[in-house]
C-alpha atoms as a PDB file:
ATOM      1  CA  UNK A   1      -8.107  -7.716 -23.168  1.00  0.00           C
ATOM      2  CA  UNK A   2      -6.238  -4.827 -21.577  1.00  0.00           C
ATOM      3  CA  UNK A   3      -6.085  -1.797 -23.873  1.00  0.00           C
ATOM      4  CA  UNK A   4      -4.036   0.670 -21.864  1.00  0.00           C
ATOM      5  CA  UNK A   5      -1.871   0.923 -18.773  1.00  0.00           C
ATOM      6  CA  UNK A   6      -2.091   3.922 -16.443  1.00  0.00           C
ATOM      7  CA  UNK A   7       0.605   4.073 -13.774  1.00  0.00           C
ATOM      8  CA  UNK A   8       0.045   6.485 -10.887  1.00  0.00           C
ATOM      9  CA  UNK A   9       3.117   7.865  -9.144  1.00  0.00           C
ATOM     10  CA  UNK A  10       3.417  10.325  -6.244  1.00  0.00           C
ATOM     11  CA  UNK A  11       5.671  13.313  -6.871  1.00  0.00           C
ATOM     12  CA  UNK A  12       7.000  16.027  -4.575  1.00  0.00           C
ATOM     13  CA  UNK A  13       6.982  18.826  -7.179  1.00  0.00           C
ATOM     14  CA  UNK A  14       4.441  18.343  -9.969  1.00  0.00           C
ATOM     15  CA  UNK A  15       5.767  21.043 -12.310  1.00  0.00           C
ATOM     16  CA  UNK A  16       9.368  19.823 -12.027  1.00  0.00           C
ATOM     17  CA  UNK A  17       8.255  16.227 -12.633  1.00  0.00           C
ATOM     18  CA  UNK A  18       6.267  17.207 -15.742  1.00  0.00           C
ATOM     19  CA  UNK A  19       9.325  19.089 -17.070  1.00  0.00           C
ATOM     20  CA  UNK A  20      11.503  16.038 -16.343  1.00  0.00           C
ATOM     21  CA  UNK A  21       9.332  13.677 -18.389  1.00  0.00           C
ATOM     22  CA  UNK A  22       8.942  16.226 -21.195  1.00  0.00           C
ATOM     23  CA  UNK A  23      12.766  16.429 -21.318  1.00  0.00           C
ATOM     24  CA  UNK A  24      12.766  12.675 -21.988  1.00  0.00           C
ATOM     25  CA  UNK A  25      10.531  13.296 -25.014  1.00  0.00           C
ATOM     26  CA  UNK A  26       7.224  12.197 -23.482  1.00  0.00           C
ATOM     27  CA  UNK A  27       4.055  14.242 -23.925  1.00  0.00           C
ATOM     28  CA  UNK A  28       2.125  16.061 -21.201  1.00  0.00           C
ATOM     29  CA  UNK A  29      -1.639  15.769 -21.779  1.00  0.00           C
ATOM     30  CA  UNK A  30      -3.287  18.858 -20.270  1.00  0.00           C
ATOM     31  CA  UNK A  31      -6.789  17.399 -20.778  1.00  0.00           C
ATOM     32  CA  UNK A  32      -6.131  15.001 -17.894  1.00  0.00           C
ATOM     33  CA  UNK A  33      -4.110  17.376 -15.740  1.00  0.00           C
ATOM     34  CA  UNK A  34      -4.723  20.030 -13.107  1.00  0.00           C
ATOM     35  CA  UNK A  35      -2.788  21.635 -10.240  1.00  0.00           C
ATOM     36  CA  UNK A  36      -2.719  18.300  -8.343  1.00  0.00           C
ATOM     37  CA  UNK A  37      -2.052  15.771 -11.116  1.00  0.00           C
ATOM     38  CA  UNK A  38      -0.622  15.513 -14.620  1.00  0.00           C
ATOM     39  CA  UNK A  39      -0.913  12.890 -17.331  1.00  0.00           C
ATOM     40  CA  UNK A  40       2.303  11.957 -19.142  1.00  0.00           C
ATOM     41  CA  UNK A  41       1.870   9.916 -22.321  1.00  0.00           C
ATOM     42  CA  UNK A  42       4.641   7.363 -22.849  1.00  0.00           C
ATOM     43  CA  UNK A  43       2.985   5.903 -25.965  1.00  0.00           C
ATOM     44  CA  UNK A  44      -0.525   5.022 -27.197  1.00  0.00           C
ATOM     45  CA  UNK A  45      -0.857   2.258 -24.616  1.00  0.00           C
ATOM     46  CA  UNK A  46       1.006   3.609 -21.563  1.00  0.00           C
ATOM     47  CA  UNK A  47       0.361   6.771 -19.567  1.00  0.00           C
ATOM     48  CA  UNK A  48       1.756   7.890 -16.229  1.00  0.00           C
ATOM     49  CA  UNK A  49      -0.402   9.902 -13.873  1.00  0.00           C
ATOM     50  CA  UNK A  50       1.808  12.066 -11.680  1.00  0.00           C
ATOM     51  CA  UNK A  51       0.075  13.185  -8.519  1.00  0.00           C
ATOM     52  CA  UNK A  52       1.069  15.409  -5.644  1.00  0.00           C
ATOM     53  CA  UNK A  53       1.477  13.462  -2.424  1.00  0.00           C
ATOM     54  CA  UNK A  54      -1.878  14.804  -1.205  1.00  0.00           C
ATOM     55  CA  UNK A  55      -3.598  13.728  -4.425  1.00  0.00           C
ATOM     56  CA  UNK A  56      -1.928  10.306  -4.357  1.00  0.00           C
ATOM     57  CA  UNK A  57      -3.130   9.716  -0.786  1.00  0.00           C
ATOM     58  CA  UNK A  58      -6.733  10.102  -2.034  1.00  0.00           C
ATOM     59  CA  UNK A  59      -6.288   6.727  -3.776  1.00  0.00           C
ATOM     60  CA  UNK A  60      -4.717   4.743  -0.933  1.00  0.00           C
ATOM     61  CA  UNK A  61      -4.797   4.710   2.858  1.00  0.00           C
ATOM     62  CA  UNK A  62      -1.082   3.817   2.939  1.00  0.00           C
ATOM     63  CA  UNK A  63       1.790   6.278   3.339  1.00  0.00           C
ATOM     64  CA  UNK A  64       3.749   7.423   0.314  1.00  0.00           C
ATOM     65  CA  UNK A  65       7.000   5.466   0.092  1.00  0.00           C
ATOM     66  CA  UNK A  66      10.222   7.265   0.995  1.00  0.00           C
ATOM     67  CA  UNK A  67      12.199   6.246  -2.092  1.00  0.00           C
ATOM     68  CA  UNK A  68      15.478   7.294  -0.470  1.00  0.00           C
ATOM     69  CA  UNK A  69      14.970   4.371   1.944  1.00  0.00           C
ATOM     70  CA  UNK A  70      12.789   1.834   0.081  1.00  0.00           C
ATOM     71  CA  UNK A  71      11.756   0.767  -3.400  1.00  0.00           C
ATOM     72  CA  UNK A  72       8.074   1.094  -4.178  1.00  0.00           C
ATOM     73  CA  UNK A  73       8.077   0.074  -7.840  1.00  0.00           C
ATOM     74  CA  UNK A  74      10.373  -0.682 -10.756  1.00  0.00           C
ATOM     75  CA  UNK A  75       8.968   0.227 -14.151  1.00  0.00           C
ATOM     76  CA  UNK A  76      10.506  -1.331 -17.263  1.00  0.00           C
ATOM     77  CA  UNK A  77      10.089  -0.025 -20.788  1.00  0.00           C
ATOM     78  CA  UNK A  78      11.077  -1.864 -23.937  1.00  0.00           C
ATOM     79  CA  UNK A  79      13.025   0.353 -26.351  1.00  0.00           C
ATOM     80  CA  UNK A  80      13.533   0.061 -30.106  1.00  0.00           C
ATOM     81  CA  UNK A  81      17.348   0.053 -29.914  1.00  0.00           C
ATOM     82  CA  UNK A  82      20.391   0.151 -27.659  1.00  0.00           C
ATOM     83  CA  UNK A  83      20.831   3.745 -28.767  1.00  0.00           C
ATOM     84  CA  UNK A  84      17.349   4.628 -27.515  1.00  0.00           C
ATOM     85  CA  UNK A  85      18.153   3.031 -24.132  1.00  0.00           C
ATOM     86  CA  UNK A  86      21.334   5.110 -23.838  1.00  0.00           C
ATOM     87  CA  UNK A  87      19.615   8.259 -25.131  1.00  0.00           C
ATOM     88  CA  UNK A  88      16.794   8.067 -22.567  1.00  0.00           C
ATOM     89  CA  UNK A  89      19.229   7.497 -19.691  1.00  0.00           C
ATOM     90  CA  UNK A  90      21.343  10.454 -20.872  1.00  0.00           C
ATOM     91  CA  UNK A  91      18.240  12.672 -21.107  1.00  0.00           C
ATOM     92  CA  UNK A  92      17.143  11.575 -17.629  1.00  0.00           C
ATOM     93  CA  UNK A  93      20.548  12.449 -16.162  1.00  0.00           C
ATOM     94  CA  UNK A  94      20.597  15.830 -17.922  1.00  0.00           C
ATOM     95  CA  UNK A  95      17.077  16.571 -16.606  1.00  0.00           C
ATOM     96  CA  UNK A  96      18.118  15.916 -12.991  1.00  0.00           C
ATOM     97  CA  UNK A  97      17.548  12.185 -12.623  1.00  0.00           C
ATOM     98  CA  UNK A  98      20.189   9.719 -11.508  1.00  0.00           C
ATOM     99  CA  UNK A  99      21.312   6.164 -12.086  1.00  0.00           C
ATOM    100  CA  UNK A 100      22.679   3.506  -9.767  1.00  0.00           C
ATOM    101  CA  UNK A 101      24.046   1.033 -12.276  1.00  0.00           C
ATOM    102  CA  UNK A 102      25.899   0.696 -15.554  1.00  0.00           C
ATOM    103  CA  UNK A 103      24.497  -0.612 -18.847  1.00  0.00           C
ATOM    104  CA  UNK A 104      24.447  -4.393 -19.101  1.00  0.00           C
ATOM    105  CA  UNK A 105      24.697  -6.420 -22.300  1.00  0.00           C
ATOM    106  CA  UNK A 106      23.385  -9.975 -21.980  1.00  0.00           C
ATOM    107  CA  UNK A 107      23.793 -10.719 -25.693  1.00  0.00           C
ATOM    108  CA  UNK A 108      20.077 -11.108 -26.332  1.00  0.00           C
ATOM    109  CA  UNK A 109      19.162  -8.056 -24.217  1.00  0.00           C
ATOM    110  CA  UNK A 110      20.710  -4.677 -23.430  1.00  0.00           C
ATOM    111  CA  UNK A 111      19.603  -2.829 -20.284  1.00  0.00           C
ATOM    112  CA  UNK A 112      20.191   0.357 -18.324  1.00  0.00           C
ATOM    113  CA  UNK A 113      18.085   2.348 -15.875  1.00  0.00           C
ATOM    114  CA  UNK A 114      17.483   5.678 -14.202  1.00  0.00           C
ATOM    115  CA  UNK A 115      15.718   7.141 -11.199  1.00  0.00           C
ATOM    116  CA  UNK A 116      13.351  10.044 -11.807  1.00  0.00           C
ATOM    117  CA  UNK A 117      13.272  13.147  -9.596  1.00  0.00           C
ATOM    118  CA  UNK A 118      11.247  11.282  -6.938  1.00  0.00           C
ATOM    119  CA  UNK A 119      13.380   8.136  -6.923  1.00  0.00           C
ATOM    120  CA  UNK A 120      11.028   5.929  -8.962  1.00  0.00           C
ATOM    121  CA  UNK A 121      13.056   3.289 -10.819  1.00  0.00           C
ATOM    122  CA  UNK A 122      12.794   3.105 -14.604  1.00  0.00           C
ATOM    123  CA  UNK A 123      14.443   0.152 -16.353  1.00  0.00           C
ATOM    124  CA  UNK A 124      15.063   0.399 -20.081  1.00  0.00           C
ATOM    125  CA  UNK A 125      15.733  -2.619 -22.223  1.00  0.00           C
ATOM    126  CA  UNK A 126      16.251  -3.572 -25.825  1.00  0.00           C
ATOM    127  CA  UNK A 127      15.682  -7.193 -26.772  1.00  0.00           C
ATOM    128  CA  UNK A 128      17.959  -8.206 -29.640  1.00  0.00           C
ATOM    129  CA  UNK A 129      16.617 -11.730 -29.888  1.00  0.00           C
ATOM    130  CA  UNK A 130      15.129 -14.400 -27.726  1.00  0.00           C
ATOM    131  CA  UNK A 131      17.500 -16.033 -25.210  1.00  0.00           C
ATOM    132  CA  UNK A 132      18.927 -19.388 -26.181  1.00  0.00           C
ATOM    133  CA  UNK A 133      16.932 -22.385 -24.906  1.00  0.00           C
ATOM    134  CA  UNK A 134      18.331 -23.943 -21.737  1.00  0.00           C
END
């Protein structure tokens, strides 16, 4: 069984990225952080390791994706309510992030998204109920 998920994302400015995620209400864990990387705790099971581009390249021989031209990853988080979805998007926008879409209500699911300071896509969703059987 998988106990935790650690996502690793390259960032251009580590301090600004840490401040961005703290503005969303997530916790910075200094025990797993240094001048090249920082651990952001989303919840007990999900953490995001933010690494400078140089640090990130230590883990892969591939180039860091230019998120202004291409999508490298879309991360989706399940929220407790529609209000939490809207609140997190609003916090992201206030902290310097952006969005490229509008909220969508599918009846059984409400979604919206934002891009962080480095253009990584974060989808937020709240499942009201299971979709009707087809």
